[in-house]
Amino acid sequence: MFLFWQDLQSSNLLLYALATGVLASVACGVVGTLVSIRHITYIAGAIAHCTLGGMGAARYLQKVVGIDWLSPLLGATIAALLAAVVIGLVTAYAEERVDTVLSAVWSVGMAIGLVFISRTPGYNEDLMSYLFGNILMVSLHDLYLVAALDVVILLICVLCYNRLLALCFDEEFAWLRGINVRAYDMLLLCLTAVTVVLLTQVVGIIMVIAMLALPAAAAGQFTRRLVGMMIVAVALSILCTVTGLVVSYEPEFPAGATIILTATVVYGLAVAGRQFARKWSRGAGIR
């Protein structure tokens, strides 16, 4: 465990990984809380798998065509935002079942990604890092993009906090208050898309849903106020990410999987702690 902190002083890669994990955790806690309250985690899953199409296309254009500035992270961002817009428009205006739309977006995004990856040299290694995350390979360019996306997410959430609050807790009340629910639904989907991209760098496409949901769910065991849940969720996300990185480093466990297991333990402890507190308070009341 101490080896990580020793090597951190001399390794830029570890420093970038740690910074990326912390920055992604901020967005994870804030947007993950909104997603959990709004009950759209399943939509986040469809968007997450669609990012593989953007990553695969960007990697192909980088290696084969020579467009060096188009990184997989940027390609994932474009694909995630496009998927969020498509899902938002189709579910709002088309008479289609939501599960059908999500299944189509999910499958098409993965299929496009696999096609491009299959045509790119070294695709097996890239595929593994996309699916399961490879936070130790984050570049300085990726770190800057993560920081920029983080700032955008936080700025939008601060400016639109009251409207997002109304949307998540009571959609009908939001309509009555004159809030454009469809527009803010689309905004929330776009925020979710960007957050999914950030978390993909940390834990990969397959496990991104767990990282989006578990810290927010654990935070919900401590407080029901939205801003309180966001703060606690951010703190728990940072705790899980840093702990997962440190624990996985020396034995060379997969960092993303270790982070998810840490988040699962934290969620389990939060639920158990709340149940114990309830029983204790009831017992104290009886006496």
Protein backbone atom coordinates (compact mmCIF):
# COMPACT_ATOMS: atom_id res chain seq x y z
CA MET A 1 0.00 0.00 0.00
CA PHE A 2 2.86 2.34 0.83
CA LEU A 3 4.53 1.59 -2.49
CA PHE A 4 1.87 3.61 -4.32
CA TRP A 5 2.60 6.77 -2.31
CA GLN A 6 6.34 6.22 -2.76
CA ASP A 7 6.10 5.87 -6.54
CA LEU A 8 3.64 8.75 -6.77
CA GLN A 9 6.46 11.17 -6.01
CA SER A 10 8.43 10.11 -9.08
CA SER A 11 5.77 8.94 -11.55
CA ASN A 12 3.72 11.35 -13.65
CA LEU A 13 1.47 8.49 -14.76
CA LEU A 14 0.40 7.80 -11.18
CA LEU A 15 -0.12 11.50 -10.57
CA TYR A 16 -2.31 11.80 -13.68
CA ALA A 17 -4.27 8.70 -12.62
CA LEU A 18 -4.88 10.04 -9.13
CA ALA A 19 -5.91 13.48 -10.42
CA THR A 20 -8.23 11.92 -13.02
CA GLY A 21 -9.86 9.73 -10.38
CA VAL A 22 -10.50 12.67 -8.08
CA LEU A 23 -11.83 14.93 -10.85
CA ALA A 24 -14.09 12.18 -12.22
CA SER A 25 -15.35 11.52 -8.68
CA VAL A 26 -16.58 15.09 -8.37
CA ALA A 27 -18.78 14.74 -11.45
CA CYS A 28 -19.75 11.22 -10.39
CA GLY A 29 -21.07 12.39 -7.02
CA VAL A 30 -22.97 15.39 -8.37
CA VAL A 31 -24.55 13.87 -11.49
CA GLY A 32 -24.85 10.38 -9.98
CA THR A 33 -27.12 11.85 -7.29
CA LEU A 34 -29.37 13.44 -9.92
CA VAL A 35 -29.43 10.24 -11.98
CA SER A 36 -30.32 8.10 -8.96
CA ILE A 37 -33.13 10.39 -7.81
CA ARG A 38 -34.47 10.69 -11.36
CA HIS A 39 -34.28 6.88 -11.77
CA ILE A 40 -32.48 6.97 -15.14
CA THR A 41 -29.50 4.77 -14.31
CA TYR A 42 -30.55 2.39 -17.10
CA ILE A 43 -30.24 5.25 -19.60
CA ALA A 44 -26.72 5.91 -18.33
CA GLY A 45 -25.93 2.27 -19.11
CA ALA A 46 -27.02 2.65 -22.73
CA ILE A 47 -24.98 5.84 -23.12
CA ALA A 48 -21.94 4.17 -21.55
CA HIS A 49 -21.93 1.29 -24.01
CA CYS A 50 -22.46 3.68 -26.90
CA THR A 51 -19.18 5.43 -26.06
CA LEU A 52 -17.31 2.41 -27.42
CA GLY A 53 -18.36 3.53 -30.91
CA GLY A 54 -16.79 6.95 -30.42
CA MET A 55 -13.66 5.51 -28.83
CA GLY A 56 -13.19 2.97 -31.61
CA ALA A 57 -13.74 5.52 -34.37
CA ALA A 58 -11.37 8.01 -32.75
CA ARG A 59 -8.63 5.40 -32.27
CA TYR A 60 -9.00 4.29 -35.89
CA LEU A 61 -8.75 7.87 -37.18
CA GLN A 62 -5.73 8.44 -34.93
CA LYS A 63 -3.73 5.39 -35.92
CA VAL A 64 -4.80 4.77 -39.49
CA VAL A 65 -5.79 8.19 -40.85
CA GLY A 66 -3.34 10.20 -38.75
CA ILE A 67 -5.69 12.63 -36.97
CA ASP A 68 -3.56 12.88 -33.83
CA TRP A 69 -5.71 15.42 -31.95
CA LEU A 70 -8.79 13.17 -31.99
CA SER A 71 -8.22 11.16 -28.81
CA PRO A 72 -10.45 8.24 -27.75
CA LEU A 73 -11.66 10.37 -24.82
CA LEU A 74 -12.83 13.10 -27.18
CA GLY A 75 -14.44 10.51 -29.45
CA ALA A 76 -16.24 9.02 -26.45
CA THR A 77 -17.51 12.47 -25.45
CA ILE A 78 -18.94 13.12 -28.92
CA ALA A 79 -20.57 9.68 -29.07
CA ALA A 80 -22.04 9.98 -25.56
CA LEU A 81 -23.57 13.40 -26.24
CA LEU A 82 -24.98 12.18 -29.56
CA ALA A 83 -26.50 9.14 -27.84
CA ALA A 84 -28.01 11.34 -25.11
CA VAL A 85 -29.62 13.64 -27.69
CA VAL A 86 -31.00 10.70 -29.71
CA ILE A 87 -32.44 9.03 -26.59
CA GLY A 88 -33.94 12.30 -25.37
CA LEU A 89 -35.56 13.19 -28.69
CA VAL A 90 -36.89 9.71 -29.48
CA THR A 91 -38.35 9.12 -26.01
CA ALA A 92 -39.92 12.59 -25.93
CA TYR A 93 -41.40 12.85 -29.43
CA ALA A 94 -41.59 9.36 -30.95
CA GLU A 95 -44.12 6.74 -29.99
CA GLU A 96 -41.52 4.11 -29.19
CA ARG A 97 -40.94 2.05 -26.09
CA VAL A 98 -38.05 3.38 -24.04
CA ASP A 99 -36.48 -0.06 -23.63
CA THR A 100 -36.51 -0.56 -27.42
CA VAL A 101 -34.74 2.75 -28.02
CA LEU A 102 -32.14 2.05 -25.34
CA SER A 103 -31.48 -1.44 -26.67
CA ALA A 104 -30.95 -0.03 -30.17
CA VAL A 105 -28.59 2.72 -29.01
CA TRP A 106 -26.72 0.29 -26.75
CA SER A 107 -26.24 -2.31 -29.51
CA VAL A 108 -25.46 0.07 -32.37
CA GLY A 109 -22.85 1.94 -30.35
CA MET A 110 -21.09 -1.29 -29.37
CA ALA A 111 -21.28 -2.64 -32.93
CA ILE A 112 -19.75 0.51 -34.45
CA GLY A 113 -16.98 0.44 -31.88
CA LEU A 114 -16.16 -3.21 -32.52
CA VAL A 115 -16.03 -2.64 -36.29
CA PHE A 116 -13.56 0.25 -35.98
CA ILE A 117 -11.48 -1.53 -33.33
CA SER A 118 -11.22 -4.62 -35.52
CA ARG A 119 -9.70 -2.48 -38.28
CA THR A 120 -7.20 -0.80 -35.96
CA PRO A 121 -3.74 -2.30 -35.24
CA GLY A 122 -3.41 -3.60 -31.69
CA TYR A 123 -7.16 -3.63 -31.14
CA ASN A 124 -7.22 -6.43 -28.52
CA GLU A 125 -5.29 -4.39 -25.98
CA ASP A 126 -7.33 -1.27 -26.73
CA LEU A 127 -10.59 -3.19 -26.41
CA MET A 128 -9.68 -4.45 -22.94
CA SER A 129 -8.73 -0.96 -21.75
CA TYR A 130 -11.96 0.53 -23.13
CA LEU A 131 -14.20 -2.12 -21.58
CA PHE A 132 -12.54 -2.42 -18.17
CA GLY A 133 -10.78 0.93 -17.83
CA ASN A 134 -7.08 1.75 -17.68
CA ILE A 135 -6.72 4.79 -15.46
CA LEU A 136 -2.93 4.31 -15.23
CA MET A 137 -2.64 5.12 -18.95
CA VAL A 138 -4.33 8.55 -18.79
CA SER A 139 -2.27 11.19 -20.61
CA LEU A 140 -1.82 14.84 -19.70
CA HIS A 141 -4.07 15.76 -22.66
CA ASP A 142 -6.79 13.47 -21.29
CA LEU A 143 -6.38 15.02 -17.84
CA TYR A 144 -6.93 18.51 -19.23
CA LEU A 145 -10.08 17.33 -21.04
CA VAL A 146 -11.38 15.66 -17.88
CA ALA A 147 -10.80 18.89 -15.92
CA ALA A 148 -12.59 20.95 -18.58
CA LEU A 149 -15.60 18.62 -18.62
CA ASP A 150 -15.69 18.69 -14.83
CA VAL A 151 -15.86 22.49 -14.82
CA VAL A 152 -18.68 22.48 -17.38
CA ILE A 153 -20.69 19.95 -15.35
CA LEU A 154 -20.31 21.85 -12.08
CA LEU A 155 -21.10 25.20 -13.68
CA ILE A 156 -24.30 23.92 -15.28
CA CYS A 157 -25.41 22.18 -12.07
CA VAL A 158 -24.88 25.35 -10.03
CA LEU A 159 -26.71 27.58 -12.53
CA CYS A 160 -29.64 25.17 -12.98
CA TYR A 161 -29.75 23.69 -9.49
CA ASN A 162 -33.31 24.68 -8.56
CA ARG A 163 -34.78 23.52 -11.88
CA LEU A 164 -32.93 20.21 -11.73
CA LEU A 165 -34.09 19.81 -8.14
CA ALA A 166 -37.73 20.27 -9.16
CA LEU A 167 -37.33 17.94 -12.15
CA CYS A 168 -35.79 15.12 -10.14
CA PHE A 169 -38.14 15.18 -7.15
CA ASP A 170 -41.48 16.18 -8.72
CA GLU A 171 -41.83 16.40 -12.51
CA GLU A 172 -45.49 17.45 -12.32
CA PHE A 173 -44.62 20.30 -9.95
CA ALA A 174 -41.90 21.39 -12.38
CA TRP A 175 -44.47 21.52 -15.21
CA LEU A 176 -46.83 23.60 -13.08
CA ARG A 177 -44.01 26.01 -12.25
CA GLY A 178 -43.48 26.62 -15.97
CA ILE A 179 -40.19 24.73 -16.22
CA ASN A 180 -39.49 23.24 -19.65
CA VAL A 181 -39.24 19.65 -18.45
CA ARG A 182 -38.20 18.24 -21.82
CA ALA A 183 -35.35 20.73 -22.16
CA TYR A 184 -34.03 20.03 -18.67
CA ASP A 185 -34.46 16.30 -19.18
CA MET A 186 -32.23 16.66 -22.24
CA LEU A 187 -29.76 18.72 -20.21
CA LEU A 188 -29.63 16.04 -17.52
CA LEU A 189 -29.04 13.37 -20.15
CA CYS A 190 -26.15 15.39 -21.58
CA LEU A 191 -24.67 15.85 -18.10
CA THR A 192 -25.01 12.10 -17.60
CA ALA A 193 -23.28 11.48 -20.93
CA VAL A 194 -20.29 13.63 -20.01
CA THR A 195 -20.04 12.03 -16.56
CA VAL A 196 -20.15 8.58 -18.11
CA VAL A 197 -17.20 9.54 -20.32
CA LEU A 198 -15.21 10.68 -17.29
CA LEU A 199 -15.95 7.49 -15.38
CA THR A 200 -15.12 5.33 -18.40
CA GLN A 201 -11.52 6.45 -18.01
CA VAL A 202 -11.58 5.27 -14.40
CA VAL A 203 -13.53 1.99 -14.35
CA GLY A 204 -14.33 1.22 -18.00
CA ILE A 205 -17.56 0.93 -19.95
CA ILE A 206 -18.82 -2.26 -18.33
CA MET A 207 -18.60 -1.05 -14.73
CA VAL A 208 -19.46 2.63 -15.19
CA ILE A 209 -23.09 2.17 -14.09
CA ALA A 210 -22.03 0.82 -10.71
CA MET A 211 -19.71 3.77 -10.06
CA LEU A 212 -22.45 6.20 -11.04
CA ALA A 213 -25.04 4.59 -8.77
CA LEU A 214 -23.27 3.18 -5.70
CA PRO A 215 -21.75 6.33 -4.13
CA ALA A 216 -25.02 8.23 -4.63
CA ALA A 217 -27.00 5.33 -3.16
CA ALA A 218 -24.65 5.20 -0.17
CA ALA A 219 -24.98 8.97 0.28
CA GLY A 220 -28.76 8.56 0.31
CA GLN A 221 -28.41 6.51 3.49
CA PHE A 222 -27.09 9.58 5.35
CA THR A 223 -29.18 12.47 4.02
CA ARG A 224 -32.19 13.20 1.80
CA ARG A 225 -31.32 16.81 0.94
CA LEU A 226 -30.08 17.04 -2.64
CA VAL A 227 -27.07 19.23 -1.98
CA GLY A 228 -26.17 17.11 1.04
CA MET A 229 -26.39 13.93 -1.02
CA MET A 230 -24.15 15.48 -3.68
CA ILE A 231 -21.47 16.47 -1.17
CA VAL A 232 -21.48 13.07 0.55
CA ALA A 233 -21.53 11.24 -2.79
CA VAL A 234 -18.52 13.24 -4.02
CA ALA A 235 -16.63 12.44 -0.81
CA LEU A 236 -17.47 8.74 -1.07
CA SER A 237 -16.54 8.65 -4.77
CA ILE A 238 -13.14 10.15 -4.02
CA LEU A 239 -12.68 7.71 -1.13
CA CYS A 240 -13.52 4.71 -3.33
CA THR A 241 -11.36 5.86 -6.23
CA VAL A 242 -8.27 6.68 -4.20
CA THR A 243 -8.61 3.55 -2.03
CA GLY A 244 -9.11 1.37 -5.10
CA LEU A 245 -6.03 2.83 -6.79
CA VAL A 246 -3.85 2.40 -3.72
CA VAL A 247 -5.02 -1.13 -2.90
CA SER A 248 -4.72 -2.38 -6.50
CA TYR A 249 -1.27 -0.93 -7.21
CA GLU A 250 1.20 -3.26 -5.47
CA PRO A 251 -0.53 -6.62 -6.15
CA GLU A 252 -1.32 -5.39 -9.70
CA PHE A 253 -5.06 -5.94 -9.45
CA PRO A 254 -7.23 -4.25 -12.13
CA ALA A 255 -7.70 -0.72 -10.83
CA GLY A 256 -11.25 -0.30 -12.18
CA ALA A 257 -12.49 -3.56 -10.69
CA THR A 258 -10.88 -2.75 -7.32
CA ILE A 259 -12.55 0.67 -7.28
CA ILE A 260 -15.95 -0.92 -7.95
CA LEU A 261 -15.44 -3.52 -5.21
CA THR A 262 -14.48 -0.72 -2.82
CA ALA A 263 -17.63 1.20 -3.76
CA THR A 264 -19.70 -1.93 -3.17
CA VAL A 265 -18.21 -2.39 0.30
CA VAL A 266 -18.86 1.27 1.13
CA TYR A 267 -22.48 0.97 -0.02
CA GLY A 268 -22.95 -2.22 2.00
CA LEU A 269 -21.51 -0.59 5.12
CA ALA A 270 -23.73 2.47 4.63
CA VAL A 271 -26.88 0.32 4.35
CA ALA A 272 -25.87 -1.83 7.33
CA GLY A 273 -25.02 1.26 9.38
CA ARG A 274 -28.40 2.83 8.67
CA GLN A 275 -30.25 -0.36 9.58
CA PHE A 276 -28.28 -0.62 12.81
CA ALA A 277 -28.99 3.05 13.64
CA ARG A 278 -32.72 2.49 13.06
CA LYS A 279 -32.85 -0.58 15.31
CA TRP A 280 -30.81 1.17 17.98
CA SER A 281 -33.05 4.25 17.92
CA ARG A 282 -36.19 2.10 18.13
CA GLY A 283 -34.71 0.14 21.02
CA ALA A 284 -33.75 3.35 22.79
CA GLY A 285 -37.28 4.68 22.28
CA ILE A 286 -38.83 1.58 23.82
CA ARG A 287 -36.65 1.87 26.90
